[in-house]
Amino acid sequence: MLRVLPAAALIASTLAAPALADPRYRDNAVVSASVLGARETLDACGGRDVLDAIVPDGPFLEACKFHDACYRSGALNQGVCDADFLADMREACDATYPRAQAGGQHAACEVAAYTYYRAVNSRFGSMLYPGGVTEGQFGAVSQSVSAGLNGTRHLEACAEARNASNRKLRYLMTLHDAKGEWVATAPGVSSLSLQPGETKTLCAGTSLSWFRSAANIGDAYALTLKVDDPATLNPFGDLIDVDRMDCETASGKCRRVAAR
């Protein structure tokens, strides 16, 4: 695995693991040959010296070697490399600690595997994925107007956000009124993490503001898709505009314009 993996990244939750491709992409002969051709001698879970103690290989050495080479080869996107990495580690757990004979050790191994997976399937992993691009695109856009508790009519605009890059990225959508003034951001608290090719819907509207409504947003509004560029170490992120839709308030019709 990537030799610069920090110790802090190893602290992960035991959330349900993602669904894995079956069969794995790495099982394709052409892909496997490309990845294996990108191997380097020092590929390992933690590298050597101090990091090897912080990120021990354990039963995951071969999985980590393949994962390092998978990133380096560019044959698969980051999300697929990471999913195959988790599958390889789970297989190693099954082989090293059979459930029937070593149930407790097998469970601990599964937790370690998911911890390693979460460490790389992150902003940190995205930053280190060679040849990573930063892209995103809006899909379908919908609009609704409803009455709030005090009778004020509020506008809500929802848009599909698609990760059009080759690495995991975090997205935000902003809503601006006809004058270009900010109205709302979605999600409201944190950003939306998307695997390469994944699509989810973001919604932003006037309902959370005491001062904004469907009546004063103007005859048009803009939706801008922003992405946190992993290339920067700024802890607050570096947001880049990647797509924009200008919409008519009356009809809800939208057209794509160049992001600013």
C-alpha atoms as a PDB file:
ATOM      1  CA  MET A   1       0.000   0.000   0.000  1.00  0.00           C
ATOM      2  CA  LEU A   2       1.105   3.601  -0.411  1.00  0.00           C
ATOM      3  CA  ARG A   3       4.249   4.037   1.659  1.00  0.00           C
ATOM      4  CA  VAL A   4       3.332   7.472   2.955  1.00  0.00           C
ATOM      5  CA  LEU A   5       0.122   6.296   4.595  1.00  0.00           C
ATOM      6  CA  PRO A   6      -0.128   8.173   7.921  1.00  0.00           C
ATOM      7  CA  ALA A   7      -0.961   6.462  11.172  1.00  0.00           C
ATOM      8  CA  ALA A   8      -4.018   8.657  11.642  1.00  0.00           C
ATOM      9  CA  ALA A   9      -5.571   7.244   8.488  1.00  0.00           C
ATOM     10  CA  LEU A  10      -5.669   3.820  10.093  1.00  0.00           C
ATOM     11  CA  ILE A  11      -8.355   4.886  12.551  1.00  0.00           C
ATOM     12  CA  ALA A  12     -11.536   3.871  10.711  1.00  0.00           C
ATOM     13  CA  SER A  13     -15.071   3.008  11.636  1.00  0.00           C
ATOM     14  CA  THR A  14     -16.641  -0.415  11.187  1.00  0.00           C
ATOM     15  CA  LEU A  15     -19.364   0.759   8.827  1.00  0.00           C
ATOM     16  CA  ALA A  16     -20.841  -1.665   6.332  1.00  0.00           C
ATOM     17  CA  ALA A  17     -18.329  -2.360   3.576  1.00  0.00           C
ATOM     18  CA  PRO A  18     -19.186  -1.422  -0.020  1.00  0.00           C
ATOM     19  CA  ALA A  19     -20.478  -3.895  -2.548  1.00  0.00           C
ATOM     20  CA  LEU A  20     -17.668  -5.412  -4.575  1.00  0.00           C
ATOM     21  CA  ALA A  21     -17.515  -6.239  -8.258  1.00  0.00           C
ATOM     22  CA  ASP A  22     -17.919  -9.935  -9.042  1.00  0.00           C
ATOM     23  CA  PRO A  23     -15.755 -10.953 -10.784  1.00  0.00           C
ATOM     24  CA  ARG A  24     -13.131  -8.398  -9.817  1.00  0.00           C
ATOM     25  CA  TYR A  25     -11.770  -6.129 -12.514  1.00  0.00           C
ATOM     26  CA  ARG A  26      -8.248  -7.282 -11.702  1.00  0.00           C
ATOM     27  CA  ASP A  27      -9.232 -10.793 -12.818  1.00  0.00           C
ATOM     28  CA  ASN A  28      -9.230  -9.542 -16.413  1.00  0.00           C
ATOM     29  CA  ALA A  29      -6.017 -10.875 -17.982  1.00  0.00           C
ATOM     30  CA  VAL A  30      -5.180  -7.642 -19.832  1.00  0.00           C
ATOM     31  CA  VAL A  31      -5.780  -5.468 -16.769  1.00  0.00           C
ATOM     32  CA  SER A  32      -3.841  -7.816 -14.499  1.00  0.00           C
ATOM     33  CA  ALA A  33      -0.862  -7.846 -16.863  1.00  0.00           C
ATOM     34  CA  SER A  34      -0.840  -4.049 -17.015  1.00  0.00           C
ATOM     35  CA  VAL A  35      -0.953  -3.754 -13.230  1.00  0.00           C
ATOM     36  CA  LEU A  36       1.689  -6.408 -12.604  1.00  0.00           C
ATOM     37  CA  GLY A  37       3.945  -4.671 -15.111  1.00  0.00           C
ATOM     38  CA  ALA A  38       3.831  -1.539 -12.947  1.00  0.00           C
ATOM     39  CA  ARG A  39       5.113  -3.222  -9.779  1.00  0.00           C
ATOM     40  CA  GLU A  40       8.143  -1.863  -7.948  1.00  0.00           C
ATOM     41  CA  THR A  41      10.452  -3.609  -5.497  1.00  0.00           C
ATOM     42  CA  LEU A  42       9.467  -1.622  -2.409  1.00  0.00           C
ATOM     43  CA  ASP A  43       5.700  -1.958  -2.868  1.00  0.00           C
ATOM     44  CA  ALA A  44       4.181  -2.955   0.488  1.00  0.00           C
ATOM     45  CA  CYS A  45       1.545  -1.906   3.003  1.00  0.00           C
ATOM     46  CA  GLY A  46       3.812   0.451   4.916  1.00  0.00           C
ATOM     47  CA  GLY A  47       7.049   0.427   3.012  1.00  0.00           C
ATOM     48  CA  ARG A  48      10.093   0.033   5.193  1.00  0.00           C
ATOM     49  CA  ASP A  49      11.537   1.207   8.521  1.00  0.00           C
ATOM     50  CA  VAL A  50       9.182   3.240  10.745  1.00  0.00           C
ATOM     51  CA  LEU A  51       6.171   3.158   8.422  1.00  0.00           C
ATOM     52  CA  ASP A  52       6.367  -0.626   8.209  1.00  0.00           C
ATOM     53  CA  ALA A  53       5.729  -0.753  11.970  1.00  0.00           C
ATOM     54  CA  ILE A  54       2.912   1.786  11.737  1.00  0.00           C
ATOM     55  CA  VAL A  55       1.271   0.050   8.764  1.00  0.00           C
ATOM     56  CA  PRO A  56       2.225  -3.630   9.123  1.00  0.00           C
ATOM     57  CA  ASP A  57       1.888  -5.952   6.145  1.00  0.00           C
ATOM     58  CA  GLY A  58       0.367  -8.823   8.111  1.00  0.00           C
ATOM     59  CA  PRO A  59      -1.505 -11.127   5.734  1.00  0.00           C
ATOM     60  CA  PHE A  60      -2.075  -8.220   3.320  1.00  0.00           C
ATOM     61  CA  LEU A  61       1.345  -7.926   1.681  1.00  0.00           C
ATOM     62  CA  GLU A  62       0.339  -9.229  -1.759  1.00  0.00           C
ATOM     63  CA  ALA A  63      -2.882  -7.221  -1.682  1.00  0.00           C
ATOM     64  CA  CYS A  64      -0.908  -4.067  -0.844  1.00  0.00           C
ATOM     65  CA  LYS A  65       1.624  -4.745  -3.596  1.00  0.00           C
ATOM     66  CA  PHE A  66      -1.123  -5.123  -6.180  1.00  0.00           C
ATOM     67  CA  HIS A  67      -2.884  -2.003  -4.909  1.00  0.00           C
ATOM     68  CA  ASP A  68       0.279   0.109  -5.205  1.00  0.00           C
ATOM     69  CA  ALA A  69       0.808  -1.146  -8.739  1.00  0.00           C
ATOM     70  CA  CYS A  70      -2.872  -0.647  -9.592  1.00  0.00           C
ATOM     71  CA  TYR A  71      -2.634   3.042  -8.724  1.00  0.00           C
ATOM     72  CA  ARG A  72       0.655   3.420 -10.570  1.00  0.00           C
ATOM     73  CA  SER A  73      -0.485   1.656 -13.752  1.00  0.00           C
ATOM     74  CA  GLY A  74      -3.589   3.776 -14.327  1.00  0.00           C
ATOM     75  CA  ALA A  75      -5.286   0.673 -15.739  1.00  0.00           C
ATOM     76  CA  LEU A  76      -8.205   1.084 -13.322  1.00  0.00           C
ATOM     77  CA  ASN A  77      -9.690   4.103 -11.601  1.00  0.00           C
ATOM     78  CA  GLN A  78      -9.100   4.696  -7.911  1.00  0.00           C
ATOM     79  CA  GLY A  79     -12.480   3.352  -6.818  1.00  0.00           C
ATOM     80  CA  VAL A  80     -11.965   0.034  -8.612  1.00  0.00           C
ATOM     81  CA  CYS A  81      -8.379  -0.310  -7.364  1.00  0.00           C
ATOM     82  CA  ASP A  82      -9.620   0.228  -3.822  1.00  0.00           C
ATOM     83  CA  ALA A  83     -12.554  -2.186  -4.147  1.00  0.00           C
ATOM     84  CA  ASP A  84     -10.275  -4.907  -5.519  1.00  0.00           C
ATOM     85  CA  PHE A  85      -7.832  -4.148  -2.700  1.00  0.00           C
ATOM     86  CA  LEU A  86     -10.553  -4.828  -0.132  1.00  0.00           C
ATOM     87  CA  ALA A  87     -11.553  -8.047  -1.909  1.00  0.00           C
ATOM     88  CA  ASP A  88      -7.930  -9.230  -1.929  1.00  0.00           C
ATOM     89  CA  MET A  89      -7.541  -8.493   1.781  1.00  0.00           C
ATOM     90  CA  ARG A  90     -10.734 -10.344   2.632  1.00  0.00           C
ATOM     91  CA  GLU A  91      -9.480 -13.348   0.704  1.00  0.00           C
ATOM     92  CA  ALA A  92      -6.238 -13.154   2.694  1.00  0.00           C
ATOM     93  CA  CYS A  93      -8.253 -13.150   5.926  1.00  0.00           C
ATOM     94  CA  ASP A  94     -10.172 -16.241   4.789  1.00  0.00           C
ATOM     95  CA  ALA A  95      -6.960 -18.050   3.873  1.00  0.00           C
ATOM     96  CA  THR A  96      -4.916 -17.064   6.938  1.00  0.00           C
ATOM     97  CA  TYR A  97      -7.635 -17.249   9.593  1.00  0.00           C
ATOM     98  CA  PRO A  98     -10.397 -19.679   8.541  1.00  0.00           C
ATOM     99  CA  ARG A  99     -13.693 -18.744  10.211  1.00  0.00           C
ATOM    100  CA  ALA A 100     -14.272 -22.239  11.571  1.00  0.00           C
ATOM    101  CA  GLN A 101     -10.896 -22.501  13.307  1.00  0.00           C
ATOM    102  CA  ALA A 102     -10.085 -18.879  14.159  1.00  0.00           C
ATOM    103  CA  GLY A 103     -13.300 -16.915  14.355  1.00  0.00           C
ATOM    104  CA  GLY A 104     -11.938 -14.147  16.577  1.00  0.00           C
ATOM    105  CA  GLN A 105      -8.774 -13.657  14.556  1.00  0.00           C
ATOM    106  CA  HIS A 106     -10.787 -13.706  11.341  1.00  0.00           C
ATOM    107  CA  ALA A 107     -13.081 -10.965  12.648  1.00  0.00           C
ATOM    108  CA  ALA A 108     -10.086  -8.861  13.692  1.00  0.00           C
ATOM    109  CA  CYS A 109      -8.545  -9.395  10.274  1.00  0.00           C
ATOM    110  CA  GLU A 110     -11.761  -8.205   8.567  1.00  0.00           C
ATOM    111  CA  VAL A 111     -11.752  -5.043  10.676  1.00  0.00           C
ATOM    112  CA  ALA A 112      -8.101  -4.410   9.763  1.00  0.00           C
ATOM    113  CA  ALA A 113      -8.895  -4.952   6.082  1.00  0.00           C
ATOM    114  CA  TYR A 114     -11.709  -2.430   6.135  1.00  0.00           C
ATOM    115  CA  THR A 115      -9.529   0.025   8.066  1.00  0.00           C
ATOM    116  CA  TYR A 116      -6.840  -0.209   5.387  1.00  0.00           C
ATOM    117  CA  TYR A 117      -9.501   0.207   2.704  1.00  0.00           C
ATOM    118  CA  ARG A 118     -10.949   3.311   4.311  1.00  0.00           C
ATOM    119  CA  ALA A 119      -7.471   4.797   4.646  1.00  0.00           C
ATOM    120  CA  VAL A 120      -6.896   4.721   0.885  1.00  0.00           C
ATOM    121  CA  ASN A 121     -10.456   5.236  -0.341  1.00  0.00           C
ATOM    122  CA  SER A 122     -10.304   8.804   0.906  1.00  0.00           C
ATOM    123  CA  ARG A 123      -9.164  12.313   0.017  1.00  0.00           C
ATOM    124  CA  PHE A 124      -5.655  11.176   0.944  1.00  0.00           C
ATOM    125  CA  GLY A 125      -5.809   8.311  -1.555  1.00  0.00           C
ATOM    126  CA  SER A 126      -7.254  10.611  -4.206  1.00  0.00           C
ATOM    127  CA  MET A 127      -4.356  13.005  -3.734  1.00  0.00           C
ATOM    128  CA  LEU A 128      -1.841  10.206  -4.303  1.00  0.00           C
ATOM    129  CA  TYR A 129      -3.593   8.533  -7.246  1.00  0.00           C
ATOM    130  CA  PRO A 130      -1.237   9.237 -10.207  1.00  0.00           C
ATOM    131  CA  GLY A 131      -2.820  10.948 -13.189  1.00  0.00           C
ATOM    132  CA  GLY A 132      -5.911  11.860 -11.207  1.00  0.00           C
ATOM    133  CA  VAL A 133      -8.255  14.368 -12.820  1.00  0.00           C
ATOM    134  CA  THR A 134     -10.739  16.701 -11.156  1.00  0.00           C
ATOM    135  CA  GLU A 135     -14.048  16.694 -12.990  1.00  0.00           C
ATOM    136  CA  GLY A 136     -17.766  16.559 -12.376  1.00  0.00           C
ATOM    137  CA  GLN A 137     -20.983  17.037 -14.308  1.00  0.00           C
ATOM    138  CA  PHE A 138     -24.617  17.853 -13.698  1.00  0.00           C
ATOM    139  CA  GLY A 139     -27.290  15.482 -14.942  1.00  0.00           C
ATOM    140  CA  ALA A 140     -31.038  15.989 -14.752  1.00  0.00           C
ATOM    141  CA  VAL A 141     -32.302  19.082 -12.915  1.00  0.00           C
ATOM    142  CA  SER A 142     -35.738  19.451 -11.305  1.00  0.00           C
ATOM    143  CA  GLN A 143     -37.472  22.290  -9.516  1.00  0.00           C
ATOM    144  CA  SER A 144     -40.332  22.495  -7.020  1.00  0.00           C
ATOM    145  CA  VAL A 145     -42.122  25.307  -5.185  1.00  0.00           C
ATOM    146  CA  SER A 146     -43.933  24.684  -1.907  1.00  0.00           C
ATOM    147  CA  ALA A 147     -45.394  26.662   0.982  1.00  0.00           C
ATOM    148  CA  GLY A 148     -43.574  26.878   4.295  1.00  0.00           C
ATOM    149  CA  LEU A 149     -45.045  27.003   7.792  1.00  0.00           C
ATOM    150  CA  ASN A 150     -45.711  30.741   7.582  1.00  0.00           C
ATOM    151  CA  GLY A 151     -47.188  30.517   4.103  1.00  0.00           C
ATOM    152  CA  THR A 152     -44.039  31.746   2.348  1.00  0.00           C
ATOM    153  CA  ARG A 153     -43.459  29.934  -0.918  1.00  0.00           C
ATOM    154  CA  HIS A 154     -40.025  28.363  -1.190  1.00  0.00           C
ATOM    155  CA  LEU A 155     -38.117  27.155  -4.221  1.00  0.00           C
ATOM    156  CA  GLU A 156     -36.014  23.981  -4.190  1.00  0.00           C
ATOM    157  CA  ALA A 157     -33.772  22.916  -7.070  1.00  0.00           C
ATOM    158  CA  CYS A 158     -32.373  19.390  -7.287  1.00  0.00           C
ATOM    159  CA  ALA A 159     -29.675  18.202  -9.681  1.00  0.00           C
ATOM    160  CA  GLU A 160     -27.867  14.949 -10.317  1.00  0.00           C
ATOM    161  CA  ALA A 161     -24.151  15.275  -9.570  1.00  0.00           C
ATOM    162  CA  ARG A 162     -21.866  12.815 -11.341  1.00  0.00           C
ATOM    163  CA  ASN A 163     -18.221  12.117 -10.614  1.00  0.00           C
ATOM    164  CA  ALA A 164     -16.760  12.226 -14.122  1.00  0.00           C
ATOM    165  CA  SER A 165     -13.167  11.755 -12.954  1.00  0.00           C
ATOM    166  CA  ASN A 166     -10.970   8.719 -12.328  1.00  0.00           C
ATOM    167  CA  ARG A 167     -10.689   9.160  -8.546  1.00  0.00           C
ATOM    168  CA  LYS A 168     -12.912   9.629  -5.508  1.00  0.00           C
ATOM    169  CA  LEU A 169     -13.897  13.285  -5.059  1.00  0.00           C
ATOM    170  CA  ARG A 170     -16.052  15.449  -2.800  1.00  0.00           C
ATOM    171  CA  TYR A 171     -18.723  17.726  -4.268  1.00  0.00           C
ATOM    172  CA  LEU A 172     -20.865  20.697  -3.277  1.00  0.00           C
ATOM    173  CA  MET A 173     -23.637  22.507  -5.149  1.00  0.00           C
ATOM    174  CA  THR A 174     -24.383  26.204  -4.714  1.00  0.00           C
ATOM    175  CA  LEU A 175     -27.570  28.088  -5.558  1.00  0.00           C
ATOM    176  CA  HIS A 176     -27.315  31.745  -6.603  1.00  0.00           C
ATOM    177  CA  ASP A 177     -30.149  34.105  -7.449  1.00  0.00           C
ATOM    178  CA  ALA A 178     -30.670  36.228 -10.567  1.00  0.00           C
ATOM    179  CA  LYS A 179     -28.276  38.868  -9.208  1.00  0.00           C
ATOM    180  CA  GLY A 180     -25.555  36.325  -8.581  1.00  0.00           C
ATOM    181  CA  GLU A 181     -25.977  36.430  -4.809  1.00  0.00           C
ATOM    182  CA  TRP A 182     -25.476  33.226  -2.850  1.00  0.00           C
ATOM    183  CA  VAL A 183     -28.665  31.598  -1.557  1.00  0.00           C
ATOM    184  CA  ALA A 184     -27.782  28.078  -0.371  1.00  0.00           C
ATOM    185  CA  THR A 185     -25.219  25.279  -0.500  1.00  0.00           C
ATOM    186  CA  ALA A 186     -25.856  21.530  -0.582  1.00  0.00           C
ATOM    187  CA  PRO A 187     -25.083  19.421   1.316  1.00  0.00           C
ATOM    188  CA  GLY A 188     -25.549  21.856   4.147  1.00  0.00           C
ATOM    189  CA  VAL A 189     -22.875  20.574   6.541  1.00  0.00           C
ATOM    190  CA  SER A 190     -20.367  18.384   4.715  1.00  0.00           C
ATOM    191  CA  SER A 191     -19.524  17.582   1.117  1.00  0.00           C
ATOM    192  CA  LEU A 192     -20.825  14.666  -0.938  1.00  0.00           C
ATOM    193  CA  SER A 193     -18.234  11.939  -1.592  1.00  0.00           C
ATOM    194  CA  LEU A 194     -18.617  10.136  -4.920  1.00  0.00           C
ATOM    195  CA  GLN A 195     -16.678   7.230  -6.379  1.00  0.00           C
ATOM    196  CA  PRO A 196     -15.626   7.534 -10.042  1.00  0.00           C
ATOM    197  CA  GLY A 197     -18.744   7.273 -12.212  1.00  0.00           C
ATOM    198  CA  GLU A 198     -21.124   7.479  -9.233  1.00  0.00           C
ATOM    199  CA  THR A 199     -24.159   9.782  -9.389  1.00  0.00           C
ATOM    200  CA  LYS A 200     -26.266  11.187  -6.546  1.00  0.00           C
ATOM    201  CA  THR A 201     -28.792  14.001  -6.259  1.00  0.00           C
ATOM    202  CA  LEU A 202     -28.139  17.294  -4.470  1.00  0.00           C
ATOM    203  CA  CYS A 203     -30.919  19.713  -3.510  1.00  0.00           C
ATOM    204  CA  ALA A 204     -30.664  23.373  -2.474  1.00  0.00           C
ATOM    205  CA  GLY A 205     -33.394  25.904  -1.837  1.00  0.00           C
ATOM    206  CA  THR A 206     -34.643  28.957  -0.005  1.00  0.00           C
ATOM    207  CA  SER A 207     -36.422  27.179   2.879  1.00  0.00           C
ATOM    208  CA  LEU A 208     -33.506  27.432   5.331  1.00  0.00           C
ATOM    209  CA  SER A 209     -33.218  31.201   4.990  1.00  0.00           C
ATOM    210  CA  TRP A 210     -35.305  33.769   6.870  1.00  0.00           C
ATOM    211  CA  PHE A 211     -34.872  36.252   4.061  1.00  0.00           C
ATOM    212  CA  ARG A 212     -35.081  34.259   0.826  1.00  0.00           C
ATOM    213  CA  SER A 213     -38.111  32.788  -0.932  1.00  0.00           C
ATOM    214  CA  ALA A 214     -39.367  31.792  -4.353  1.00  0.00           C
ATOM    215  CA  ALA A 215     -40.700  35.336  -4.700  1.00  0.00           C
ATOM    216  CA  ASN A 216     -37.408  37.197  -4.231  1.00  0.00           C
ATOM    217  CA  ILE A 217     -34.933  34.823  -5.881  1.00  0.00           C
ATOM    218  CA  GLY A 218     -35.595  36.544  -9.202  1.00  0.00           C
ATOM    219  CA  ASP A 219     -36.580  35.348 -12.656  1.00  0.00           C
ATOM    220  CA  ALA A 220     -33.549  33.065 -12.907  1.00  0.00           C
ATOM    221  CA  TYR A 221     -31.032  31.237 -10.734  1.00  0.00           C
ATOM    222  CA  ALA A 222     -27.755  29.382 -11.180  1.00  0.00           C
ATOM    223  CA  LEU A 223     -26.633  25.984  -9.888  1.00  0.00           C
ATOM    224  CA  THR A 224     -22.873  25.479  -9.699  1.00  0.00           C
ATOM    225  CA  LEU A 225     -21.172  22.141  -9.072  1.00  0.00           C
ATOM    226  CA  LYS A 226     -17.981  22.516  -7.071  1.00  0.00           C
ATOM    227  CA  VAL A 227     -15.357  19.896  -6.291  1.00  0.00           C
ATOM    228  CA  ASP A 228     -12.714  19.770  -3.574  1.00  0.00           C
ATOM    229  CA  ASP A 229      -9.422  19.430  -5.456  1.00  0.00           C
ATOM    230  CA  PRO A 230      -7.268  16.810  -3.632  1.00  0.00           C
ATOM    231  CA  ALA A 231      -4.095  18.359  -5.049  1.00  0.00           C
ATOM    232  CA  THR A 232      -4.010  20.896  -2.223  1.00  0.00           C
ATOM    233  CA  LEU A 233      -3.213  20.205   1.423  1.00  0.00           C
ATOM    234  CA  ASN A 234      -5.510  23.024   2.541  1.00  0.00           C
ATOM    235  CA  PRO A 235      -7.514  21.484   5.437  1.00  0.00           C
ATOM    236  CA  PHE A 236     -10.541  23.527   4.390  1.00  0.00           C
ATOM    237  CA  GLY A 237     -10.376  22.275   0.813  1.00  0.00           C
ATOM    238  CA  ASP A 238      -9.813  23.983  -2.495  1.00  0.00           C
ATOM    239  CA  LEU A 239     -13.128  24.234  -4.329  1.00  0.00           C
ATOM    240  CA  ILE A 240     -13.118  24.316  -8.122  1.00  0.00           C
ATOM    241  CA  ASP A 241     -16.176  25.029 -10.272  1.00  0.00           C
ATOM    242  CA  VAL A 242     -16.661  22.156 -12.705  1.00  0.00           C
ATOM    243  CA  ASP A 243     -20.186  22.635 -14.084  1.00  0.00           C
ATOM    244  CA  ARG A 244     -23.007  25.171 -14.054  1.00  0.00           C
ATOM    245  CA  MET A 245     -26.688  25.274 -14.987  1.00  0.00           C
ATOM    246  CA  ASP A 246     -28.653  28.508 -15.480  1.00  0.00           C
ATOM    247  CA  CYS A 247     -32.363  27.987 -14.868  1.00  0.00           C
ATOM    248  CA  GLU A 248     -35.579  29.945 -15.398  1.00  0.00           C
ATOM    249  CA  THR A 249     -37.596  30.340 -12.212  1.00  0.00           C
ATOM    250  CA  ALA A 250     -40.984  30.361 -13.957  1.00  0.00           C
ATOM    251  CA  SER A 251     -40.516  27.262 -16.109  1.00  0.00           C
ATOM    252  CA  GLY A 252     -37.720  25.395 -14.333  1.00  0.00           C
ATOM    253  CA  LYS A 253     -35.937  24.944 -17.655  1.00  0.00           C
ATOM    254  CA  CYS A 254     -32.155  24.890 -17.409  1.00  0.00           C
ATOM    255  CA  ARG A 255     -29.251  25.197 -19.793  1.00  0.00           C
ATOM    256  CA  ARG A 256     -25.615  24.306 -19.239  1.00  0.00           C
ATOM    257  CA  VAL A 257     -23.096  27.139 -19.320  1.00  0.00           C
ATOM    258  CA  ALA A 258     -19.365  27.216 -18.799  1.00  0.00           C
ATOM    259  CA  ALA A 259     -18.421  27.029 -15.135  1.00  0.00           C
ATOM    260  CA  ARG A 260     -16.716  30.169 -13.825  1.00  0.00           C
END
